Full PDB file with SEQRES, HELIX, SHEET, SSBOND, CRYST1, ORIGX, SCALE, CONECT and MASTER records, all heavy atoms in Angstrom:
SEQRES   1 A   38  GLY HIS ASP GLY ILE VAL LYS ASP GLY LYS ILE ILE ASN          
SEQRES   2 A   38  ASP GLU THR VAL SER ARG LEU ALA GLU MET ALA VAL MET          
SEQRES   3 A   38  GLN ALA GLN ALA GLY ALA ASP ILE ILE GLY PRO SER              
HELIX    1 AA1 ASN A   13  ALA A   30  1                                  18    
SHEET    1 AA1 2 ILE A   5  LYS A   7  0                                        
SHEET    2 AA1 2 LYS A  10  ILE A  12 -1                                        
CRYST1    1.000    1.000    1.000  90.00  90.00  90.00 P 1           1          
ORIGX1      1.000000  0.000000  0.000000        0.00000                         
ORIGX2      0.000000  1.000000  0.000000        0.00000                         
ORIGX3      0.000000  0.000000  1.000000        0.00000                         
SCALE1      1.000000  0.000000  0.000000        0.00000                         
SCALE2      0.000000  1.000000  0.000000        0.00000                         
SCALE3      0.000000  0.000000  1.000000        0.00000                         
ATOM      1  N   GLY A   1       3.279  -7.619  10.281  1.00  0.00           N  
ATOM      2  CA  GLY A   1       3.303  -8.672   9.291  1.00  0.00           C  
ATOM      3  C   GLY A   1       2.041  -8.789   8.451  1.00  0.00           C  
ATOM      4  O   GLY A   1       1.842  -9.819   7.781  1.00  0.00           O  
ATOM      5  N   HIS A   2       1.210  -7.762   8.456  1.00  0.00           N  
ATOM      6  CA  HIS A   2      -0.019  -7.788   7.639  1.00  0.00           C  
ATOM      7  C   HIS A   2       0.133  -6.886   6.442  1.00  0.00           C  
ATOM      8  O   HIS A   2       0.962  -5.981   6.401  1.00  0.00           O  
ATOM      9  CB  HIS A   2      -1.218  -7.357   8.500  1.00  0.00           C  
ATOM     10  CG  HIS A   2      -1.779  -8.472   9.319  1.00  0.00           C  
ATOM     11  ND1 HIS A   2      -2.581  -9.454   8.760  1.00  0.00           N  
ATOM     12  CD2 HIS A   2      -1.687  -8.763  10.645  1.00  0.00           C  
ATOM     13  CE1 HIS A   2      -2.976 -10.282   9.724  1.00  0.00           C  
ATOM     14  NE2 HIS A   2      -2.428  -9.897  10.864  1.00  0.00           N  
ATOM     15  N   ASP A   3      -0.711  -7.111   5.446  1.00  0.00           N  
ATOM     16  CA  ASP A   3      -0.676  -6.344   4.220  1.00  0.00           C  
ATOM     17  C   ASP A   3      -1.281  -4.927   4.412  1.00  0.00           C  
ATOM     18  O   ASP A   3      -1.157  -4.100   3.519  1.00  0.00           O  
ATOM     19  CB  ASP A   3      -1.499  -7.034   3.119  1.00  0.00           C  
ATOM     20  CG  ASP A   3      -0.846  -8.350   2.694  1.00  0.00           C  
ATOM     21  OD1 ASP A   3      -0.288  -9.052   3.542  1.00  0.00           O  
ATOM     22  OD2 ASP A   3      -0.955  -8.696   1.516  1.00  0.00           O  
ATOM     23  N   GLY A   4      -1.945  -4.724   5.552  1.00  0.00           N  
ATOM     24  CA  GLY A   4      -2.538  -3.441   5.830  1.00  0.00           C  
ATOM     25  C   GLY A   4      -2.197  -2.957   7.240  1.00  0.00           C  
ATOM     26  O   GLY A   4      -1.594  -3.695   8.024  1.00  0.00           O  
ATOM     27  N   ILE A   5      -2.623  -1.761   7.550  1.00  0.00           N  
ATOM     28  CA  ILE A   5      -2.404  -1.175   8.871  1.00  0.00           C  
ATOM     29  C   ILE A   5      -3.309  -1.823   9.873  1.00  0.00           C  
ATOM     30  O   ILE A   5      -4.523  -1.979   9.614  1.00  0.00           O  
ATOM     31  CB  ILE A   5      -2.639   0.370   8.804  1.00  0.00           C  
ATOM     32  CG1 ILE A   5      -1.592   1.001   7.862  1.00  0.00           C  
ATOM     33  CG2 ILE A   5      -2.585   0.968  10.175  1.00  0.00           C  
ATOM     34  CD1 ILE A   5      -1.866   2.456   7.559  1.00  0.00           C  
ATOM     35  N   VAL A   6      -2.789  -2.193  10.982  1.00  0.00           N  
ATOM     36  CA  VAL A   6      -3.552  -2.881  12.038  1.00  0.00           C  
ATOM     37  C   VAL A   6      -3.827  -1.934  13.179  1.00  0.00           C  
ATOM     38  O   VAL A   6      -2.934  -1.283  13.704  1.00  0.00           O  
ATOM     39  CB  VAL A   6      -2.790  -4.127  12.567  1.00  0.00           C  
ATOM     40  CG1 VAL A   6      -3.601  -4.855  13.623  1.00  0.00           C  
ATOM     41  CG2 VAL A   6      -2.393  -5.052  11.422  1.00  0.00           C  
ATOM     42  N   LYS A   7      -5.117  -1.855  13.572  1.00  0.00           N  
ATOM     43  CA  LYS A   7      -5.520  -1.079  14.741  1.00  0.00           C  
ATOM     44  C   LYS A   7      -6.530  -1.867  15.524  1.00  0.00           C  
ATOM     45  O   LYS A   7      -7.546  -2.313  14.981  1.00  0.00           O  
ATOM     46  CB  LYS A   7      -6.094   0.284  14.339  1.00  0.00           C  
ATOM     47  CG  LYS A   7      -5.074   1.242  13.743  1.00  0.00           C  
ATOM     48  CD  LYS A   7      -5.682   2.585  13.447  1.00  0.00           C  
ATOM     49  CE  LYS A   7      -4.647   3.568  12.923  1.00  0.00           C  
ATOM     50  NZ  LYS A   7      -5.220   4.909  12.624  1.00  0.00           N  
ATOM     51  N   ASP A   8      -6.245  -2.052  16.830  1.00  0.00           N  
ATOM     52  CA  ASP A   8      -7.126  -2.846  17.721  1.00  0.00           C  
ATOM     53  C   ASP A   8      -7.448  -4.193  17.118  1.00  0.00           C  
ATOM     54  O   ASP A   8      -8.576  -4.692  17.205  1.00  0.00           O  
ATOM     55  CB  ASP A   8      -8.430  -2.060  18.003  1.00  0.00           C  
ATOM     56  CG  ASP A   8      -8.139  -0.721  18.666  1.00  0.00           C  
ATOM     57  OD1 ASP A   8      -7.242  -0.663  19.543  1.00  0.00           O  
ATOM     58  OD2 ASP A   8      -8.843   0.259  18.370  1.00  0.00           O  
ATOM     59  N   GLY A   9      -6.452  -4.806  16.508  1.00  0.00           N  
ATOM     60  CA  GLY A   9      -6.629  -6.154  15.974  1.00  0.00           C  
ATOM     61  C   GLY A   9      -7.339  -6.224  14.636  1.00  0.00           C  
ATOM     62  O   GLY A   9      -7.560  -7.344  14.135  1.00  0.00           O  
ATOM     63  N   LYS A  10      -7.671  -5.103  14.026  1.00  0.00           N  
ATOM     64  CA  LYS A  10      -8.394  -5.079  12.743  1.00  0.00           C  
ATOM     65  C   LYS A  10      -7.517  -4.454  11.664  1.00  0.00           C  
ATOM     66  O   LYS A  10      -6.747  -3.516  11.938  1.00  0.00           O  
ATOM     67  CB  LYS A  10      -9.712  -4.331  12.852  1.00  0.00           C  
ATOM     68  CG  LYS A  10     -10.727  -4.998  13.786  1.00  0.00           C  
ATOM     69  CD  LYS A  10     -12.045  -4.241  13.793  1.00  0.00           C  
ATOM     70  CE  LYS A  10     -13.087  -4.903  14.678  1.00  0.00           C  
ATOM     71  NZ  LYS A  10     -14.360  -4.145  14.690  1.00  0.00           N  
ATOM     72  N   ILE A  11      -7.677  -4.914  10.426  1.00  0.00           N  
ATOM     73  CA  ILE A  11      -6.976  -4.341   9.312  1.00  0.00           C  
ATOM     74  C   ILE A  11      -7.800  -3.158   8.808  1.00  0.00           C  
ATOM     75  O   ILE A  11      -8.942  -3.325   8.416  1.00  0.00           O  
ATOM     76  CB  ILE A  11      -6.797  -5.362   8.170  1.00  0.00           C  
ATOM     77  CG1 ILE A  11      -6.269  -6.690   8.703  1.00  0.00           C  
ATOM     78  CG2 ILE A  11      -5.883  -4.792   7.086  1.00  0.00           C  
ATOM     79  CD1 ILE A  11      -4.917  -6.591   9.417  1.00  0.00           C  
ATOM     80  N   ILE A  12      -7.204  -1.959   8.818  1.00  0.00           N  
ATOM     81  CA  ILE A  12      -7.922  -0.739   8.464  1.00  0.00           C  
ATOM     82  C   ILE A  12      -7.792  -0.506   6.960  1.00  0.00           C  
ATOM     83  O   ILE A  12      -6.713  -0.196   6.463  1.00  0.00           O  
ATOM     84  CB  ILE A  12      -7.388   0.452   9.240  1.00  0.00           C  
ATOM     85  CG1 ILE A  12      -7.347   0.144  10.770  1.00  0.00           C  
ATOM     86  CG2 ILE A  12      -8.198   1.699   8.965  1.00  0.00           C  
ATOM     87  CD1 ILE A  12      -8.744  -0.197  11.327  1.00  0.00           C  
ATOM     88  N   ASN A  13      -8.893  -0.629   6.261  1.00  0.00           N  
ATOM     89  CA  ASN A  13      -8.884  -0.616   4.796  1.00  0.00           C  
ATOM     90  C   ASN A  13      -8.469   0.722   4.221  1.00  0.00           C  
ATOM     91  O   ASN A  13      -7.486   0.832   3.479  1.00  0.00           O  
ATOM     92  CB  ASN A  13     -10.261  -0.998   4.296  1.00  0.00           C  
ATOM     93  CG  ASN A  13     -10.264  -1.276   2.781  1.00  0.00           C  
ATOM     94  OD1 ASN A  13     -10.056  -2.406   2.357  1.00  0.00           O  
ATOM     95  ND2 ASN A  13     -10.466  -0.243   1.980  1.00  0.00           N  
ATOM     96  N   ASP A  14      -9.228   1.782   4.503  1.00  0.00           N  
ATOM     97  CA  ASP A  14      -9.057   3.029   3.761  1.00  0.00           C  
ATOM     98  C   ASP A  14      -7.723   3.721   4.048  1.00  0.00           C  
ATOM     99  O   ASP A  14      -7.080   4.309   3.144  1.00  0.00           O  
ATOM    100  CB  ASP A  14     -10.215   3.982   4.090  1.00  0.00           C  
ATOM    101  CG  ASP A  14     -11.553   3.440   3.562  1.00  0.00           C  
ATOM    102  OD1 ASP A  14     -11.579   2.277   3.145  1.00  0.00           O  
ATOM    103  OD2 ASP A  14     -12.547   4.171   3.595  1.00  0.00           O  
ATOM    104  N   GLU A  15      -7.293   3.662   5.309  1.00  0.00           N  
ATOM    105  CA  GLU A  15      -5.997   4.240   5.648  1.00  0.00           C  
ATOM    106  C   GLU A  15      -4.879   3.474   4.955  1.00  0.00           C  
ATOM    107  O   GLU A  15      -3.874   4.055   4.488  1.00  0.00           O  
ATOM    108  CB  GLU A  15      -5.810   4.226   7.168  1.00  0.00           C  
ATOM    109  CG  GLU A  15      -4.587   4.987   7.637  1.00  0.00           C  
ATOM    110  CD  GLU A  15      -4.486   5.071   9.156  1.00  0.00           C  
ATOM    111  OE1 GLU A  15      -5.516   4.901   9.850  1.00  0.00           O  
ATOM    112  OE2 GLU A  15      -3.371   5.302   9.672  1.00  0.00           O  
ATOM    113  N   THR A  16      -5.040   2.171   4.834  1.00  0.00           N  
ATOM    114  CA  THR A  16      -4.055   1.349   4.157  1.00  0.00           C  
ATOM    115  C   THR A  16      -3.972   1.720   2.683  1.00  0.00           C  
ATOM    116  O   THR A  16      -2.892   1.862   2.106  1.00  0.00           O  
ATOM    117  CB  THR A  16      -4.405  -0.146   4.279  1.00  0.00           C  
ATOM    118  OG1 THR A  16      -4.316  -0.552   5.641  1.00  0.00           O  
ATOM    119  CG2 THR A  16      -3.463  -1.012   3.434  1.00  0.00           C  
ATOM    120  N   VAL A  17      -5.150   1.922   2.059  1.00  0.00           N  
ATOM    121  CA  VAL A  17      -5.190   2.238   0.595  1.00  0.00           C  
ATOM    122  C   VAL A  17      -4.415   3.502   0.328  1.00  0.00           C  
ATOM    123  O   VAL A  17      -3.727   3.614  -0.692  1.00  0.00           O  
ATOM    124  CB  VAL A  17      -6.635   2.330   0.139  1.00  0.00           C  
ATOM    125  CG1 VAL A  17      -6.718   2.946  -1.254  1.00  0.00           C  
ATOM    126  CG2 VAL A  17      -7.293   0.942   0.135  1.00  0.00           C  
ATOM    127  N   SER A  18      -4.515   4.471   1.191  1.00  0.00           N  
ATOM    128  CA  SER A  18      -3.788   5.728   1.007  1.00  0.00           C  
ATOM    129  C   SER A  18      -2.276   5.480   1.015  1.00  0.00           C  
ATOM    130  O   SER A  18      -1.547   6.041   0.172  1.00  0.00           O  
ATOM    131  CB  SER A  18      -4.145   6.747   2.133  1.00  0.00           C  
ATOM    132  OG  SER A  18      -3.418   7.911   1.995  1.00  0.00           O  
ATOM    133  N   ARG A  19      -1.816   4.624   1.894  1.00  0.00           N  
ATOM    134  CA  ARG A  19      -0.386   4.262   1.956  1.00  0.00           C  
ATOM    135  C   ARG A  19       0.036   3.530   0.677  1.00  0.00           C  
ATOM    136  O   ARG A  19       1.113   3.756   0.096  1.00  0.00           O  
ATOM    137  CB  ARG A  19      -0.075   3.392   3.175  1.00  0.00           C  
ATOM    138  CG  ARG A  19      -0.228   4.082   4.492  1.00  0.00           C  
ATOM    139  CD  ARG A  19       0.926   4.972   4.869  1.00  0.00           C  
ATOM    140  NE  ARG A  19       2.166   4.228   4.937  1.00  0.00           N  
ATOM    141  CZ  ARG A  19       3.283   4.536   4.257  1.00  0.00           C  
ATOM    142  NH1 ARG A  19       3.339   5.565   3.464  1.00  0.00           N  
ATOM    143  NH2 ARG A  19       4.376   3.794   4.423  1.00  0.00           N  
ATOM    144  N   LEU A  20      -0.833   2.613   0.212  1.00  0.00           N  
ATOM    145  CA  LEU A  20      -0.515   1.834  -0.966  1.00  0.00           C  
ATOM    146  C   LEU A  20      -0.388   2.715  -2.213  1.00  0.00           C  
ATOM    147  O   LEU A  20       0.490   2.510  -3.067  1.00  0.00           O  
ATOM    148  CB  LEU A  20      -1.560   0.775  -1.209  1.00  0.00           C  
ATOM    149  CG  LEU A  20      -1.775  -0.263  -0.084  1.00  0.00           C  
ATOM    150  CD1 LEU A  20      -2.930  -1.165  -0.420  1.00  0.00           C  
ATOM    151  CD2 LEU A  20      -0.483  -1.059   0.146  1.00  0.00           C  
ATOM    152  N   ALA A  21      -1.271   3.697  -2.354  1.00  0.00           N  
ATOM    153  CA  ALA A  21      -1.199   4.630  -3.477  1.00  0.00           C  
ATOM    154  C   ALA A  21       0.110   5.420  -3.475  1.00  0.00           C  
ATOM    155  O   ALA A  21       0.748   5.630  -4.518  1.00  0.00           O  
ATOM    156  CB  ALA A  21      -2.417   5.576  -3.443  1.00  0.00           C  
ATOM    157  N   GLU A  22       0.542   5.814  -2.288  1.00  0.00           N  
ATOM    158  CA  GLU A  22       1.811   6.522  -2.141  1.00  0.00           C  
ATOM    159  C   GLU A  22       2.962   5.628  -2.562  1.00  0.00           C  
ATOM    160  O   GLU A  22       3.889   6.049  -3.274  1.00  0.00           O  
ATOM    161  CB  GLU A  22       1.977   7.001  -0.702  1.00  0.00           C  
ATOM    162  CG  GLU A  22       3.199   7.859  -0.491  1.00  0.00           C  
ATOM    163  CD  GLU A  22       3.386   8.310   0.973  1.00  0.00           C  
ATOM    164  OE1 GLU A  22       2.500   7.978   1.818  1.00  0.00           O  
ATOM    165  OE2 GLU A  22       4.394   8.991   1.274  1.00  0.00           O  
ATOM    166  N   MET A  23       2.931   4.366  -2.121  1.00  0.00           N  
ATOM    167  CA  MET A  23       3.964   3.393  -2.502  1.00  0.00           C  
ATOM    168  C   MET A  23       4.013   3.214  -4.022  1.00  0.00           C  
ATOM    169  O   MET A  23       5.104   3.208  -4.624  1.00  0.00           O  
ATOM    170  CB  MET A  23       3.665   2.047  -1.867  1.00  0.00           C  
ATOM    171  CG  MET A  23       3.940   1.933  -0.388  1.00  0.00           C  
ATOM    172  SD  MET A  23       3.410   0.299   0.267  1.00  0.00           S  
ATOM    173  CE  MET A  23       4.557  -0.789  -0.570  1.00  0.00           C  
ATOM    174  N   ALA A  24       2.855   3.102  -4.620  1.00  0.00           N  
ATOM    175  CA  ALA A  24       2.779   2.837  -6.069  1.00  0.00           C  
ATOM    176  C   ALA A  24       3.400   3.966  -6.869  1.00  0.00           C  
ATOM    177  O   ALA A  24       4.136   3.740  -7.846  1.00  0.00           O  
ATOM    178  CB  ALA A  24       1.340   2.625  -6.477  1.00  0.00           C  
ATOM    179  N   VAL A  25       3.127   5.206  -6.482  1.00  0.00           N  
ATOM    180  CA  VAL A  25       3.679   6.348  -7.193  1.00  0.00           C  
ATOM    181  C   VAL A  25       5.189   6.375  -7.070  1.00  0.00           C  
ATOM    182  O   VAL A  25       5.938   6.616  -8.047  1.00  0.00           O  
ATOM    183  CB  VAL A  25       3.058   7.671  -6.671  1.00  0.00           C  
ATOM    184  CG1 VAL A  25       3.820   8.881  -7.209  1.00  0.00           C  
ATOM    185  CG2 VAL A  25       1.607   7.757  -7.045  1.00  0.00           C  
ATOM    186  N   MET A  26       5.720   6.100  -5.900  1.00  0.00           N  
ATOM    187  CA  MET A  26       7.150   6.092  -5.695  1.00  0.00           C  
ATOM    188  C   MET A  26       7.841   4.973  -6.489  1.00  0.00           C  
ATOM    189  O   MET A  26       8.944   5.146  -7.053  1.00  0.00           O  
ATOM    190  CB  MET A  26       7.526   5.982  -4.209  1.00  0.00           C  
ATOM    191  CG  MET A  26       7.040   7.190  -3.427  1.00  0.00           C  
ATOM    192  SD  MET A  26       7.696   7.315  -1.750  1.00  0.00           S  
ATOM    193  CE  MET A  26       9.402   7.806  -2.095  1.00  0.00           C  
ATOM    194  N   GLN A  27       7.168   3.843  -6.595  1.00  0.00           N  
ATOM    195  CA  GLN A  27       7.710   2.737  -7.418  1.00  0.00           C  
ATOM    196  C   GLN A  27       7.715   3.084  -8.888  1.00  0.00           C  
ATOM    197  O   GLN A  27       8.649   2.793  -9.636  1.00  0.00           O  
ATOM    198  CB  GLN A  27       6.944   1.456  -7.149  1.00  0.00           C  
ATOM    199  CG  GLN A  27       7.126   0.919  -5.727  1.00  0.00           C  
ATOM    200  CD  GLN A  27       6.224  -0.264  -5.409  1.00  0.00           C  
ATOM    201  OE1 GLN A  27       5.437  -0.718  -6.269  1.00  0.00           O  
ATOM    202  NE2 GLN A  27       6.290  -0.759  -4.190  1.00  0.00           N  
ATOM    203  N   ALA A  28       6.647   3.782  -9.320  1.00  0.00           N  
ATOM    204  CA  ALA A  28       6.608   4.238 -10.705  1.00  0.00           C  
ATOM    205  C   ALA A  28       7.725   5.258 -10.979  1.00  0.00           C  
ATOM    206  O   ALA A  28       8.394   5.225 -12.031  1.00  0.00           O  
ATOM    207  CB  ALA A  28       5.245   4.850 -11.018  1.00  0.00           C  
ATOM    208  N   GLN A  29       7.944   6.159 -10.044  1.00  0.00           N  
ATOM    209  CA  GLN A  29       9.020   7.157 -10.162  1.00  0.00           C  
ATOM    210  C   GLN A  29      10.387   6.464 -10.263  1.00  0.00           C  
ATOM    211  O   GLN A  29      11.246   6.927 -11.006  1.00  0.00           O  
ATOM    212  CB  GLN A  29       9.016   8.071  -8.947  1.00  0.00           C  
ATOM    213  CG  GLN A  29       7.846   9.067  -8.925  1.00  0.00           C  
ATOM    214  CD  GLN A  29       7.801   9.850  -7.621  1.00  0.00           C  
ATOM    215  OE1 GLN A  29       8.401   9.440  -6.616  1.00  0.00           O  
ATOM    216  NE2 GLN A  29       7.081  10.944  -7.627  1.00  0.00           N  
ATOM    217  N   ALA A  30      10.558   5.353  -9.572  1.00  0.00           N  
ATOM    218  CA  ALA A  30      11.829   4.636  -9.596  1.00  0.00           C  
ATOM    219  C   ALA A  30      12.039   3.896 -10.918  1.00  0.00           C  
ATOM    220  O   ALA A  30      13.164   3.543 -11.229  1.00  0.00           O  
ATOM    221  CB  ALA A  30      11.885   3.633  -8.445  1.00  0.00           C  
ATOM    222  N   GLY A  31      10.968   3.709 -11.674  1.00  0.00           N  
ATOM    223  CA  GLY A  31      11.119   3.085 -12.999  1.00  0.00           C  
ATOM    224  C   GLY A  31      10.329   1.790 -13.216  1.00  0.00           C  
ATOM    225  O   GLY A  31      10.488   1.156 -14.271  1.00  0.00           O  
ATOM    226  N   ALA A  32       9.453   1.451 -12.269  1.00  0.00           N  
ATOM    227  CA  ALA A  32       8.670   0.208 -12.412  1.00  0.00           C  
ATOM    228  C   ALA A  32       7.823   0.256 -13.659  1.00  0.00           C  
ATOM    229  O   ALA A  32       7.166   1.272 -13.989  1.00  0.00           O  
ATOM    230  CB  ALA A  32       7.812   0.017 -11.184  1.00  0.00           C  
ATOM    231  N   ASP A  33       7.783  -0.853 -14.373  1.00  0.00           N  
ATOM    232  CA  ASP A  33       6.948  -0.959 -15.565  1.00  0.00           C  
ATOM    233  C   ASP A  33       5.514  -1.410 -15.200  1.00  0.00           C  
ATOM    234  O   ASP A  33       4.544  -0.990 -15.832  1.00  0.00           O  
ATOM    235  CB  ASP A  33       7.537  -1.999 -16.538  1.00  0.00           C  
ATOM    236  CG  ASP A  33       8.923  -1.598 -16.972  1.00  0.00           C  
ATOM    237  OD1 ASP A  33       9.039  -0.698 -17.835  1.00  0.00           O  
ATOM    238  OD2 ASP A  33       9.907  -2.206 -16.489  1.00  0.00           O  
ATOM    239  N   ILE A  34       5.423  -2.274 -14.201  1.00  0.00           N  
ATOM    240  CA  ILE A  34       4.125  -2.828 -13.762  1.00  0.00           C  
ATOM    241  C   ILE A  34       4.065  -2.725 -12.256  1.00  0.00           C  
ATOM    242  O   ILE A  34       4.962  -3.137 -11.531  1.00  0.00           O  
ATOM    243  CB  ILE A  34       3.977  -4.314 -14.189  1.00  0.00           C  
ATOM    244  CG1 ILE A  34       4.149  -4.492 -15.704  1.00  0.00           C  
ATOM    245  CG2 ILE A  34       2.605  -4.857 -13.720  1.00  0.00           C  
ATOM    246  CD1 ILE A  34       4.194  -5.933 -16.134  1.00  0.00           C  
ATOM    247  N   ILE A  35       2.938  -2.181 -11.780  1.00  0.00           N  
ATOM    248  CA  ILE A  35       2.669  -2.114 -10.320  1.00  0.00           C  
ATOM    249  C   ILE A  35       1.808  -3.302  -9.961  1.00  0.00           C  
ATOM    250  O   ILE A  35       0.790  -3.577 -10.606  1.00  0.00           O  
ATOM    251  CB  ILE A  35       1.908  -0.797  -9.987  1.00  0.00           C  
ATOM    252  CG1 ILE A  35       2.785   0.447 -10.370  1.00  0.00           C  
ATOM    253  CG2 ILE A  35       1.593  -0.752  -8.506  1.00  0.00           C  
ATOM    254  CD1 ILE A  35       4.087   0.552  -9.678  1.00  0.00           C  
ATOM    255  N   GLY A  36       2.193  -4.004  -8.880  1.00  0.00           N  
ATOM    256  CA  GLY A  36       1.458  -5.213  -8.493  1.00  0.00           C  
ATOM    257  C   GLY A  36       0.851  -5.139  -7.103  1.00  0.00           C  
ATOM    258  O   GLY A  36       1.462  -5.597  -6.160  1.00  0.00           O  
ATOM    259  N   PRO A  37      -0.346  -4.558  -6.970  1.00  0.00           N  
ATOM    260  CA  PRO A  37      -1.002  -4.509  -5.631  1.00  0.00           C  
ATOM    261  C   PRO A  37      -1.416  -5.900  -5.188  1.00  0.00           C  
ATOM    262  O   PRO A  37      -2.274  -6.517  -5.767  1.00  0.00           O  
ATOM    263  CB  PRO A  37      -2.230  -3.614  -5.888  1.00  0.00           C  
ATOM    264  CG  PRO A  37      -1.970  -2.921  -7.186  1.00  0.00           C  
ATOM    265  CD  PRO A  37      -1.159  -3.875  -7.976  1.00  0.00           C  
ATOM    266  N   SER A  38      -0.798  -6.414  -4.121  1.00  0.00           N  
ATOM    267  CA  SER A  38      -1.013  -7.783  -3.659  1.00  0.00           C  
ATOM    268  C   SER A  38      -1.767  -7.859  -2.367  1.00  0.00           C  
ATOM    269  O   SER A  38      -1.862  -8.912  -1.754  1.00  0.00           O  
ATOM    270  CB  SER A  38       0.343  -8.481  -3.526  1.00  0.00           C  
ATOM    271  OG  SER A  38       1.142  -7.862  -2.551  1.00  0.00           O  
TER     272      SER A  38                                                      
MASTER        0    0    0    1    2    0    0    6  271    1    0    3          
END                                                                             
């Protein structure tokens, strides 16, 4: 239920960012006009 990947109770920043970039590209491929990193 967190916005990032959780390991040992901590939100792991850099590994999460890699996943978010992958998500963004796939959303753009689907036709998104605006990407909203939240």
